[in-house]
Amino acid sequence: MKKNFVSNGKESTRMFKSNLLESLSKVHFTVPLFIYVPVIVYFIYRAFAVLHNDALTFIGSFLGGLLFWTLTEYVLHRFIFHFEPSSRWGQRIHFIFHGVHHDYPNDAMRLVMPPSVSIPLATGFYFLFHFVLPTPWVAAFFAAFMSGYLFYDISHYAMHHFTFKGAFWKRLKQHHMLHHYTDASKGYGVSSALWDKIFRSDFEK
């Protein structure tokens, strides 16, 4: 991604002429919590009460869902959000999806994914898991996947607006800030640097 403009303030920019579309492009960082915490709780309940997971099945499925989220986050960020088509419309779409965040990284209302995007994506992933995974694994796997997404959304907001004291959070924030302010072609993991290390897109810190 070319470094054309990066705001150091907390200002925003208007993306749409339509007031409705403009409002849909903004979301308070707490909104995903209200939407997805009940979803996660429901699917954990379903894993035990409906699918009768034993402890080993639940833990294995849950850990698998978390790991798969970190890979999904990496792939989406690297190959979808940072894909820049050469056409005018392609550039416009790229700006709407991710370019605006790199230009205005501290815009508080565009740091978590709008429900108009996240809900269809979550629904699509659920049906994918339902299709490819054994039935007893689906609920715990999806609950973990959505937990990973929620951690990503909230921690992403925090990295841009909070100051951390703990070593884990400091490392995570440093990794993401290097992506923004040093080299946007590295550091695609937000909630984890695991896949950056595996695919050699990490920074030399």
Protein backbone atom coordinates (compact mmCIF):
# COMPACT_ATOMS: atom_id res chain seq x y z
CA MET A 1 0.00 0.00 0.00
CA LYS A 2 1.41 3.38 -0.99
CA LYS A 3 1.93 5.87 1.82
CA ASN A 4 0.07 8.91 0.47
CA PHE A 5 -1.51 10.47 3.53
CA VAL A 6 -1.68 9.50 7.17
CA SER A 7 -3.61 11.59 9.67
CA ASN A 8 -2.03 11.97 13.10
CA GLY A 9 -5.27 13.24 14.62
CA LYS A 10 -8.60 11.66 15.45
CA GLU A 11 -10.53 13.29 12.61
CA SER A 12 -12.58 11.38 10.07
CA THR A 13 -13.50 11.87 6.43
CA ARG A 14 -16.79 11.54 4.62
CA MET A 15 -16.93 8.52 2.30
CA PHE A 16 -20.46 8.65 0.88
CA LYS A 17 -22.79 11.34 -0.38
CA SER A 18 -25.73 9.36 1.00
CA ASN A 19 -26.34 10.03 4.68
CA LEU A 20 -27.62 6.47 5.12
CA LEU A 21 -24.51 4.86 3.63
CA GLU A 22 -22.30 7.22 5.58
CA SER A 23 -24.01 6.26 8.84
CA LEU A 24 -23.66 2.55 8.02
CA SER A 25 -19.91 2.99 7.54
CA LYS A 26 -19.46 4.09 11.15
CA VAL A 27 -19.90 2.03 14.30
CA HIS A 28 -19.10 2.49 17.99
CA PHE A 29 -16.56 -0.04 19.22
CA THR A 30 -18.99 -1.54 21.76
CA VAL A 31 -21.56 -2.56 19.12
CA PRO A 32 -19.87 -5.91 18.26
CA LEU A 33 -20.00 -6.83 21.95
CA PHE A 34 -23.78 -6.44 22.07
CA ILE A 35 -24.20 -8.43 18.87
CA TYR A 36 -21.71 -11.27 19.25
CA VAL A 37 -21.39 -12.00 22.98
CA PRO A 38 -24.96 -13.48 23.00
CA VAL A 39 -24.08 -15.44 19.83
CA ILE A 40 -20.95 -16.88 21.45
CA VAL A 41 -22.83 -17.77 24.65
CA TYR A 42 -25.58 -19.46 22.63
CA PHE A 43 -23.19 -21.63 20.64
CA ILE A 44 -21.27 -22.65 23.77
CA TYR A 45 -24.60 -23.63 25.31
CA ARG A 46 -25.49 -25.50 22.12
CA ALA A 47 -22.19 -27.40 22.15
CA PHE A 48 -22.98 -28.87 25.56
CA ALA A 49 -26.80 -28.96 25.79
CA VAL A 50 -27.68 -29.92 22.21
CA LEU A 51 -24.58 -31.56 20.73
CA HIS A 52 -23.48 -33.07 24.08
CA ASN A 53 -19.81 -32.28 23.69
CA ASP A 54 -17.50 -33.92 26.16
CA ALA A 55 -14.63 -31.83 27.53
CA LEU A 56 -12.08 -33.11 25.01
CA THR A 57 -14.32 -32.48 22.00
CA PHE A 58 -15.21 -29.00 23.19
CA ILE A 59 -11.64 -27.97 24.00
CA GLY A 60 -10.26 -29.37 20.74
CA SER A 61 -12.99 -27.74 18.65
CA PHE A 62 -12.67 -24.44 20.50
CA LEU A 63 -8.88 -24.27 20.09
CA GLY A 64 -9.28 -25.18 16.42
CA GLY A 65 -11.76 -22.33 15.95
CA LEU A 66 -9.42 -19.83 17.57
CA LEU A 67 -6.50 -20.96 15.42
CA PHE A 68 -8.62 -20.81 12.28
CA TRP A 69 -9.70 -17.27 13.17
CA THR A 70 -6.08 -16.09 13.37
CA LEU A 71 -5.44 -17.54 9.90
CA THR A 72 -8.65 -16.00 8.53
CA GLU A 73 -7.73 -12.60 9.97
CA TYR A 74 -4.29 -12.81 8.35
CA VAL A 75 -5.58 -13.91 4.94
CA LEU A 76 -8.37 -11.30 4.84
CA HIS A 77 -6.05 -8.50 5.89
CA ARG A 78 -3.20 -9.42 3.56
CA PHE A 79 -4.97 -10.59 0.42
CA ILE A 80 -8.37 -8.87 0.53
CA PHE A 81 -7.99 -5.62 2.47
CA HIS A 82 -4.60 -4.82 0.95
CA PHE A 83 -5.51 -5.81 -2.60
CA GLU A 84 -5.40 -2.61 -4.65
CA PRO A 85 -6.94 -2.90 -8.15
CA SER A 86 -5.70 -0.50 -10.80
CA SER A 87 -9.15 0.60 -11.95
CA ARG A 88 -10.80 3.75 -10.56
CA TRP A 89 -13.71 1.77 -9.14
CA GLY A 90 -11.32 -0.80 -7.69
CA GLN A 91 -9.36 1.92 -5.94
CA ARG A 92 -12.62 3.36 -4.60
CA ILE A 93 -13.71 -0.02 -3.20
CA HIS A 94 -10.28 -0.54 -1.65
CA PHE A 95 -10.49 2.86 0.04
CA ILE A 96 -13.93 2.09 1.46
CA PHE A 97 -12.89 -1.32 2.80
CA HIS A 98 -9.47 -0.52 4.20
CA GLY A 99 -7.69 2.46 2.66
CA VAL A 100 -9.65 4.91 4.79
CA HIS A 101 -8.33 3.18 7.91
CA HIS A 102 -4.73 3.66 6.80
CA ASP A 103 -5.36 7.31 5.95
CA TYR A 104 -7.27 7.98 9.19
CA PRO A 105 -5.97 5.29 11.59
CA ASN A 106 -7.36 6.95 14.72
CA ASP A 107 -10.89 7.54 13.47
CA ALA A 108 -12.75 6.04 16.45
CA MET A 109 -15.89 5.25 14.45
CA ARG A 110 -14.11 3.18 11.78
CA LEU A 111 -11.97 0.85 13.86
CA VAL A 112 -14.36 -2.09 14.17
CA MET A 113 -16.16 -3.84 11.34
CA PRO A 114 -19.69 -2.50 10.69
CA PRO A 115 -22.45 -5.07 11.36
CA SER A 116 -23.60 -4.60 7.75
CA VAL A 117 -20.37 -6.41 6.80
CA SER A 118 -19.61 -8.60 9.80
CA ILE A 119 -23.04 -10.27 10.08
CA PRO A 120 -23.12 -11.58 6.48
CA LEU A 121 -19.50 -12.74 6.84
CA ALA A 122 -20.22 -14.51 10.14
CA THR A 123 -23.29 -16.18 8.62
CA GLY A 124 -21.28 -17.36 5.63
CA PHE A 125 -18.54 -18.81 7.82
CA TYR A 126 -21.11 -20.61 9.99
CA PHE A 127 -22.60 -22.38 6.99
CA LEU A 128 -19.09 -23.21 5.75
CA PHE A 129 -18.23 -24.82 9.09
CA HIS A 130 -21.58 -26.61 9.16
CA PHE A 131 -20.82 -28.06 5.73
CA VAL A 132 -17.20 -29.17 6.25
CA LEU A 133 -16.94 -30.06 9.94
CA PRO A 134 -18.37 -33.03 11.85
CA THR A 135 -21.61 -31.94 13.50
CA PRO A 136 -20.38 -32.25 17.13
CA TRP A 137 -17.55 -29.78 16.40
CA VAL A 138 -19.49 -27.00 14.73
CA ALA A 139 -20.91 -25.09 17.70
CA ALA A 140 -17.69 -24.88 19.73
CA PHE A 141 -15.62 -24.17 16.62
CA PHE A 142 -17.92 -21.31 15.59
CA ALA A 143 -18.10 -19.92 19.15
CA ALA A 144 -14.30 -19.81 19.23
CA PHE A 145 -14.09 -18.32 15.75
CA MET A 146 -16.44 -15.51 16.77
CA SER A 147 -14.56 -15.05 20.06
CA GLY A 148 -11.39 -14.57 18.04
CA TYR A 149 -13.16 -12.06 15.82
CA LEU A 150 -14.48 -10.17 18.84
CA PHE A 151 -11.02 -10.08 20.40
CA TYR A 152 -9.64 -8.77 17.10
CA ASP A 153 -12.25 -6.01 16.84
CA ILE A 154 -11.96 -4.75 20.41
CA SER A 155 -8.17 -5.08 20.63
CA HIS A 156 -7.83 -3.25 17.30
CA TYR A 157 -9.74 -0.31 18.77
CA ALA A 158 -7.65 -0.46 21.94
CA MET A 159 -4.36 -0.46 20.04
CA HIS A 160 -5.25 2.84 18.41
CA HIS A 161 -6.64 4.54 21.51
CA PHE A 162 -5.21 2.97 24.68
CA THR A 163 -1.80 3.00 26.32
CA PHE A 164 -0.68 -0.39 27.61
CA LYS A 165 1.61 -1.40 30.44
CA GLY A 166 1.64 -5.18 30.01
CA ALA A 167 4.37 -6.75 27.85
CA PHE A 168 1.91 -8.80 25.76
CA TRP A 169 -0.20 -5.78 24.82
CA LYS A 170 2.84 -3.61 24.20
CA ARG A 171 4.24 -6.18 21.73
CA LEU A 172 0.87 -6.51 20.01
CA LYS A 173 0.44 -2.75 19.69
CA GLN A 174 4.01 -2.28 18.44
CA HIS A 175 3.41 -4.91 15.76
CA HIS A 176 0.29 -3.15 14.51
CA MET A 177 1.75 0.36 14.70
CA LEU A 178 4.71 -0.76 12.59
CA HIS A 179 2.19 -1.97 10.00
CA HIS A 180 0.59 1.47 9.95
CA TYR A 181 3.56 3.78 10.24
CA THR A 182 6.58 1.84 8.93
CA ASP A 183 5.66 -0.77 6.32
CA ALA A 184 2.09 -1.69 5.36
CA SER A 185 3.39 -4.69 3.38
CA LYS A 186 4.25 -6.46 6.65
CA GLY A 187 2.54 -7.17 9.94
CA TYR A 188 -0.86 -8.33 8.72
CA GLY A 189 -1.77 -10.10 11.94
CA VAL A 190 -3.64 -7.85 14.35
CA SER A 191 -4.71 -10.07 17.23
CA SER A 192 -1.72 -12.38 16.70
CA ALA A 193 1.63 -12.22 14.91
CA LEU A 194 1.71 -16.02 14.48
CA TRP A 195 1.05 -16.16 10.75
CA ASP A 196 3.37 -13.24 10.04
CA LYS A 197 6.14 -15.36 11.51
CA ILE A 198 5.08 -18.46 9.56
CA PHE A 199 4.73 -16.62 6.22
CA ARG A 200 7.74 -14.35 6.83
CA SER A 201 5.85 -11.07 6.76
CA ASP A 202 6.90 -10.11 10.28
CA PHE A 203 9.06 -7.12 11.22
CA GLU A 204 12.59 -7.43 12.52
CA LYS A 205 12.02 -5.96 15.95
